[in-house]
C-alpha cells in the first residue's frame, strides 16, 4: 500500500506519549512527499520547525533559533519513520517481520512491523490505512514511549511542484553546514 503512493499531502497530528500514558507533546504538522526524493515536514505548533529535502540536500530550519542546518541527505541511512513516509520500503521485509492484522476485505487495514534485530529501538510499529489511505502510524519504543502520527486531509498522487522541496534561507539567519546526520522526526 505504501508502494502505491507517488505523492502525498497531509496534515499530521503528532502525539508523543510517555510510558505512563500521559501526552508529553502534541504537534500540528504539514507534510508533503514526492517520490523518489522529495520530503517536506513542517511543524507548525507548538515549536515551529521545517525539515525539507530534495534527495541530495537536507535543510532543517528553526525559526525560533534563527538558524538553518544544511546537510547531505542519504535516504538509505535515514530513520525508519522517514523511510516509511518517503516510500523507501525496499528493506522493510529484511529488517522487520510484517503481519497483516485485518482482512483484505475490511475498510480498515493494519500492518504490524516487529524488528528482527534485538538492538532496534522499536518494540513494534503499526501502520494503519482506511479505504486505502494512510490513517496513522504508531511507533512503540522499547522504553515505553510512543509516537503517534494521525494523517488528516490526505491527498494522494496529486501534482506537487519540485520547488516545494528546495529551501532558500531567509536573510539574517545563521547557516550551519554539516556533513551527514540522520533525520529525526520525533
C-alpha atoms as a PDB file:
ATOM      1  CA  UNK A   1       0.000   0.000   0.000  1.00  0.00           C
ATOM      2  CA  UNK A   2       2.918   2.355   0.654  1.00  0.00           C
ATOM      3  CA  UNK A   3       4.262   1.469  -2.773  1.00  0.00           C
ATOM      4  CA  UNK A   4       1.140   2.911  -4.461  1.00  0.00           C
ATOM      5  CA  UNK A   5       1.911   6.390  -3.154  1.00  0.00           C
ATOM      6  CA  UNK A   6       3.743   8.639  -5.628  1.00  0.00           C
ATOM      7  CA  UNK A   7       2.901  11.903  -3.857  1.00  0.00           C
ATOM      8  CA  UNK A   8       1.203  12.594  -0.553  1.00  0.00           C
ATOM      9  CA  UNK A   9      -0.024  15.790   1.061  1.00  0.00           C
ATOM     10  CA  UNK A  10      -1.430  15.614   4.595  1.00  0.00           C
ATOM     11  CA  UNK A  11      -1.981  17.439   7.828  1.00  0.00           C
ATOM     12  CA  UNK A  12      -0.386  15.379  10.587  1.00  0.00           C
ATOM     13  CA  UNK A  13      -1.194  15.414  14.278  1.00  0.00           C
ATOM     14  CA  UNK A  14       1.786  14.048  16.195  1.00  0.00           C
ATOM     15  CA  UNK A  15       1.415  12.819  19.754  1.00  0.00           C
ATOM     16  CA  UNK A  16       4.370  11.829  21.889  1.00  0.00           C
ATOM     17  CA  UNK A  17       3.047   9.666  24.713  1.00  0.00           C
ATOM     18  CA  UNK A  18       5.070   8.763  27.812  1.00  0.00           C
ATOM     19  CA  UNK A  19       5.235   5.208  29.140  1.00  0.00           C
ATOM     20  CA  UNK A  20       2.633   6.085  31.817  1.00  0.00           C
ATOM     21  CA  UNK A  21       0.139   7.141  29.098  1.00  0.00           C
ATOM     22  CA  UNK A  22       0.458  10.904  29.569  1.00  0.00           C
ATOM     23  CA  UNK A  23       0.759  13.056  26.455  1.00  0.00           C
ATOM     24  CA  UNK A  24       4.197  14.671  26.528  1.00  0.00           C
ATOM     25  CA  UNK A  25       3.647  16.791  23.417  1.00  0.00           C
ATOM     26  CA  UNK A  26       1.093  17.340  20.661  1.00  0.00           C
ATOM     27  CA  UNK A  27       2.218  18.896  17.379  1.00  0.00           C
ATOM     28  CA  UNK A  28       0.487  20.020  14.202  1.00  0.00           C
ATOM     29  CA  UNK A  29       2.471  19.295  11.053  1.00  0.00           C
ATOM     30  CA  UNK A  30       2.138  19.889   7.311  1.00  0.00           C
ATOM     31  CA  UNK A  31       3.675  17.030   5.312  1.00  0.00           C
ATOM     32  CA  UNK A  32       4.370  16.612   1.603  1.00  0.00           C
ATOM     33  CA  UNK A  33       6.259  13.878  -0.149  1.00  0.00           C
ATOM     34  CA  UNK A  34       7.082  13.168  -3.723  1.00  0.00           C
ATOM     35  CA  UNK A  35       8.880  10.049  -4.830  1.00  0.00           C
ATOM     36  CA  UNK A  36      11.662   9.398  -5.237  1.00  0.00           C
ATOM     37  CA  UNK A  37      13.297  12.075  -3.100  1.00  0.00           C
ATOM     38  CA  UNK A  38      11.034  14.981  -2.135  1.00  0.00           C
ATOM     39  CA  UNK A  39      10.153  15.225   1.557  1.00  0.00           C
ATOM     40  CA  UNK A  40       8.713  18.229   3.435  1.00  0.00           C
ATOM     41  CA  UNK A  41       7.835  18.140   7.166  1.00  0.00           C
ATOM     42  CA  UNK A  42       6.825  21.468   8.700  1.00  0.00           C
ATOM     43  CA  UNK A  43       5.959  21.539  12.385  1.00  0.00           C
ATOM     44  CA  UNK A  44       3.526  24.410  12.857  1.00  0.00           C
ATOM     45  CA  UNK A  45       2.840  24.091  16.605  1.00  0.00           C
ATOM     46  CA  UNK A  46       3.987  24.103  19.340  1.00  0.00           C
ATOM     47  CA  UNK A  47       7.601  24.661  18.166  1.00  0.00           C
ATOM     48  CA  UNK A  48       7.929  25.774  14.518  1.00  0.00           C
ATOM     49  CA  UNK A  49      10.492  23.844  12.501  1.00  0.00           C
ATOM     50  CA  UNK A  50      10.911  22.858   8.854  1.00  0.00           C
ATOM     51  CA  UNK A  51      12.693  19.772   7.590  1.00  0.00           C
ATOM     52  CA  UNK A  52      12.860  19.541   3.804  1.00  0.00           C
ATOM     53  CA  UNK A  53      14.939  17.552   1.325  1.00  0.00           C
ATOM     54  CA  UNK A  54      15.224  17.295  -2.427  1.00  0.00           C
ATOM     55  CA  UNK A  55      17.061  13.983  -2.183  1.00  0.00           C
ATOM     56  CA  UNK A  56      20.578  15.377  -2.061  1.00  0.00           C
ATOM     57  CA  UNK A  57      20.399  18.196   0.493  1.00  0.00           C
ATOM     58  CA  UNK A  58      18.557  18.344   3.816  1.00  0.00           C
ATOM     59  CA  UNK A  59      17.544  21.708   5.275  1.00  0.00           C
ATOM     60  CA  UNK A  60      16.477  21.931   8.922  1.00  0.00           C
ATOM     61  CA  UNK A  61      15.142  25.431   9.537  1.00  0.00           C
ATOM     62  CA  UNK A  62      14.411  26.500  13.109  1.00  0.00           C
ATOM     63  CA  UNK A  63      12.889  29.998  13.013  1.00  0.00           C
ATOM     64  CA  UNK A  64      12.957  30.404  16.816  1.00  0.00           C
ATOM     65  CA  UNK A  65      16.728  29.884  16.801  1.00  0.00           C
ATOM     66  CA  UNK A  66      17.114  31.929  13.607  1.00  0.00           C
ATOM     67  CA  UNK A  67      19.205  29.199  12.018  1.00  0.00           C
ATOM     68  CA  UNK A  68      19.175  26.624   9.260  1.00  0.00           C
ATOM     69  CA  UNK A  69      21.311  23.478   9.306  1.00  0.00           C
ATOM     70  CA  UNK A  70      22.240  22.209   5.841  1.00  0.00           C
ATOM     71  CA  UNK A  71      23.415  18.609   5.458  1.00  0.00           C
ATOM     72  CA  UNK A  72      23.937  15.949   2.828  1.00  0.00           C
ATOM     73  CA  UNK A  73      20.907  13.645   2.595  1.00  0.00           C
ATOM     74  CA  UNK A  74      21.229   9.863   2.375  1.00  0.00           C
ATOM     75  CA  UNK A  75      17.778   8.242   2.382  1.00  0.00           C
ATOM     76  CA  UNK A  76      19.225   4.750   2.857  1.00  0.00           C
ATOM     77  CA  UNK A  77      20.628   5.828   6.247  1.00  0.00           C
ATOM     78  CA  UNK A  78      17.587   7.804   7.386  1.00  0.00           C
ATOM     79  CA  UNK A  79      15.492   6.821  10.368  1.00  0.00           C
ATOM     80  CA  UNK A  80      12.683   4.276   9.858  1.00  0.00           C
ATOM     81  CA  UNK A  81       9.938   6.880  10.093  1.00  0.00           C
ATOM     82  CA  UNK A  82      11.444   8.953   7.283  1.00  0.00           C
ATOM     83  CA  UNK A  83      11.870   5.805   5.181  1.00  0.00           C
ATOM     84  CA  UNK A  84       8.217   4.857   5.655  1.00  0.00           C
ATOM     85  CA  UNK A  85       6.866   8.277   4.831  1.00  0.00           C
ATOM     86  CA  UNK A  86       9.101   8.823   1.817  1.00  0.00           C
ATOM     87  CA  UNK A  87       8.338   5.375   0.412  1.00  0.00           C
ATOM     88  CA  UNK A  88      11.817   3.922   0.933  1.00  0.00           C
ATOM     89  CA  UNK A  89      10.413   0.488   1.842  1.00  0.00           C
ATOM     90  CA  UNK A  90      12.623  -1.946  -0.071  1.00  0.00           C
ATOM     91  CA  UNK A  91      14.440  -3.216   3.038  1.00  0.00           C
ATOM     92  CA  UNK A  92      11.410  -3.468   5.347  1.00  0.00           C
ATOM     93  CA  UNK A  93      10.934  -7.228   4.845  1.00  0.00           C
ATOM     94  CA  UNK A  94      14.547  -7.921   5.780  1.00  0.00           C
ATOM     95  CA  UNK A  95      14.539  -5.659   8.834  1.00  0.00           C
ATOM     96  CA  UNK A  96      11.029  -6.377  10.138  1.00  0.00           C
ATOM     97  CA  UNK A  97       8.528  -9.209  10.339  1.00  0.00           C
ATOM     98  CA  UNK A  98       5.391  -7.789   8.737  1.00  0.00           C
ATOM     99  CA  UNK A  99       1.960  -9.059   9.761  1.00  0.00           C
ATOM    100  CA  UNK A 100      -1.406  -8.004   8.411  1.00  0.00           C
ATOM    101  CA  UNK A 101      -3.759  -7.693  11.383  1.00  0.00           C
ATOM    102  CA  UNK A 102      -7.005  -7.170   9.446  1.00  0.00           C
ATOM    103  CA  UNK A 103      -8.531  -8.907   6.471  1.00  0.00           C
ATOM    104  CA  UNK A 104      -8.152  -7.525   2.968  1.00  0.00           C
ATOM    105  CA  UNK A 105     -11.953  -7.117   2.735  1.00  0.00           C
ATOM    106  CA  UNK A 106     -12.033  -4.699   5.658  1.00  0.00           C
ATOM    107  CA  UNK A 107     -12.209  -0.916   5.116  1.00  0.00           C
ATOM    108  CA  UNK A 108      -9.511  -0.637   7.797  1.00  0.00           C
ATOM    109  CA  UNK A 109      -6.175  -2.381   7.294  1.00  0.00           C
ATOM    110  CA  UNK A 110      -3.439  -2.592   9.900  1.00  0.00           C
ATOM    111  CA  UNK A 111       0.096  -3.837   9.460  1.00  0.00           C
ATOM    112  CA  UNK A 112       2.410  -4.575  12.383  1.00  0.00           C
ATOM    113  CA  UNK A 113       6.161  -4.447  11.904  1.00  0.00           C
ATOM    114  CA  UNK A 114       8.244  -6.261  14.508  1.00  0.00           C
ATOM    115  CA  UNK A 115      12.013  -5.654  14.375  1.00  0.00           C
ATOM    116  CA  UNK A 116      14.157  -8.696  13.590  1.00  0.00           C
ATOM    117  CA  UNK A 117      17.170  -7.129  15.337  1.00  0.00           C
ATOM    118  CA  UNK A 118      17.306  -7.219  19.140  1.00  0.00           C
ATOM    119  CA  UNK A 119      19.049  -3.811  19.236  1.00  0.00           C
ATOM    120  CA  UNK A 120      16.218  -1.945  17.499  1.00  0.00           C
ATOM    121  CA  UNK A 121      14.856   0.982  19.497  1.00  0.00           C
ATOM    122  CA  UNK A 122      11.338  -0.035  18.467  1.00  0.00           C
ATOM    123  CA  UNK A 123       9.254  -2.762  20.016  1.00  0.00           C
ATOM    124  CA  UNK A 124       6.583  -2.628  17.329  1.00  0.00           C
ATOM    125  CA  UNK A 125       5.373  -0.317  14.571  1.00  0.00           C
ATOM    126  CA  UNK A 126       1.756  -0.220  13.466  1.00  0.00           C
ATOM    127  CA  UNK A 127       0.722   1.271  10.108  1.00  0.00           C
ATOM    128  CA  UNK A 128      -2.996   1.822   9.573  1.00  0.00           C
ATOM    129  CA  UNK A 129      -4.965   2.513   6.393  1.00  0.00           C
ATOM    130  CA  UNK A 130      -8.645   3.408   5.974  1.00  0.00           C
ATOM    131  CA  UNK A 131     -10.104   2.947   2.488  1.00  0.00           C
ATOM    132  CA  UNK A 132      -6.546   2.535   1.127  1.00  0.00           C
ATOM    133  CA  UNK A 133      -5.485   5.933   2.546  1.00  0.00           C
ATOM    134  CA  UNK A 134      -2.819   6.369   5.206  1.00  0.00           C
ATOM    135  CA  UNK A 135      -4.601   6.903   8.519  1.00  0.00           C
ATOM    136  CA  UNK A 136      -1.951   6.576  11.239  1.00  0.00           C
ATOM    137  CA  UNK A 137       1.461   5.269  12.223  1.00  0.00           C
ATOM    138  CA  UNK A 138       2.268   4.170  15.790  1.00  0.00           C
ATOM    139  CA  UNK A 139       5.916   3.834  16.814  1.00  0.00           C
ATOM    140  CA  UNK A 140       6.216   1.941  20.108  1.00  0.00           C
ATOM    141  CA  UNK A 141       9.720   2.273  21.547  1.00  0.00           C
ATOM    142  CA  UNK A 142      11.257  -0.259  23.904  1.00  0.00           C
ATOM    143  CA  UNK A 143      11.489   2.435  26.589  1.00  0.00           C
ATOM    144  CA  UNK A 144       7.681   2.618  26.634  1.00  0.00           C
ATOM    145  CA  UNK A 145       7.364   5.944  24.815  1.00  0.00           C
ATOM    146  CA  UNK A 146       5.021   6.049  21.836  1.00  0.00           C
ATOM    147  CA  UNK A 147       4.880   8.386  18.891  1.00  0.00           C
ATOM    148  CA  UNK A 148       1.576   8.564  17.045  1.00  0.00           C
ATOM    149  CA  UNK A 149       1.076  10.237  13.680  1.00  0.00           C
ATOM    150  CA  UNK A 150      -2.544  10.735  12.634  1.00  0.00           C
ATOM    151  CA  UNK A 151      -2.941  11.761   8.980  1.00  0.00           C
ATOM    152  CA  UNK A 152      -5.805  14.112   8.089  1.00  0.00           C
ATOM    153  CA  UNK A 153      -6.924  15.806   4.866  1.00  0.00           C
ATOM    154  CA  UNK A 154      -4.855  13.312   2.880  1.00  0.00           C
ATOM    155  CA  UNK A 155      -4.419  13.938  -0.848  1.00  0.00           C
ATOM    156  CA  UNK A 156      -2.611  11.168  -2.679  1.00  0.00           C
ATOM    157  CA  UNK A 157      -0.933  11.239  -6.089  1.00  0.00           C
ATOM    158  CA  UNK A 158      -1.633  14.867  -6.972  1.00  0.00           C
ATOM    159  CA  UNK A 159       0.904  17.117  -8.690  1.00  0.00           C
ATOM    160  CA  UNK A 160       3.429  18.800  -6.373  1.00  0.00           C
ATOM    161  CA  UNK A 161       5.891  21.350  -7.707  1.00  0.00           C
ATOM    162  CA  UNK A 162       9.545  20.326  -7.177  1.00  0.00           C
ATOM    163  CA  UNK A 163      10.190  23.827  -5.806  1.00  0.00           C
ATOM    164  CA  UNK A 164       8.433  22.743  -2.578  1.00  0.00           C
ATOM    165  CA  UNK A 165      11.454  20.535  -1.870  1.00  0.00           C
ATOM    166  CA  UNK A 166      14.001  23.336  -2.077  1.00  0.00           C
ATOM    167  CA  UNK A 167      14.711  25.792   0.704  1.00  0.00           C
ATOM    168  CA  UNK A 168      16.126  29.281   0.386  1.00  0.00           C
ATOM    169  CA  UNK A 169      17.217  30.539   3.813  1.00  0.00           C
ATOM    170  CA  UNK A 170      15.788  33.898   4.857  1.00  0.00           C
ATOM    171  CA  UNK A 171      18.210  36.787   5.219  1.00  0.00           C
ATOM    172  CA  UNK A 172      19.979  37.441   8.522  1.00  0.00           C
ATOM    173  CA  UNK A 173      19.885  33.917   9.913  1.00  0.00           C
ATOM    174  CA  UNK A 174      22.747  31.640  10.886  1.00  0.00           C
ATOM    175  CA  UNK A 175      23.608  28.976   8.315  1.00  0.00           C
ATOM    176  CA  UNK A 176      25.312  25.841   9.620  1.00  0.00           C
ATOM    177  CA  UNK A 177      26.649  23.399   7.042  1.00  0.00           C
ATOM    178  CA  UNK A 178      27.279  19.877   8.376  1.00  0.00           C
ATOM    179  CA  UNK A 179      28.226  16.519   6.968  1.00  0.00           C
ATOM    180  CA  UNK A 180      25.674  13.708   7.068  1.00  0.00           C
ATOM    181  CA  UNK A 181      23.366  13.403  10.068  1.00  0.00           C
ATOM    182  CA  UNK A 182      20.208  11.269  10.204  1.00  0.00           C
ATOM    183  CA  UNK A 183      16.804  12.928  10.062  1.00  0.00           C
ATOM    184  CA  UNK A 184      14.857  12.707  13.309  1.00  0.00           C
ATOM    185  CA  UNK A 185      11.134  13.329  13.178  1.00  0.00           C
ATOM    186  CA  UNK A 186      10.003  12.649  16.694  1.00  0.00           C
END
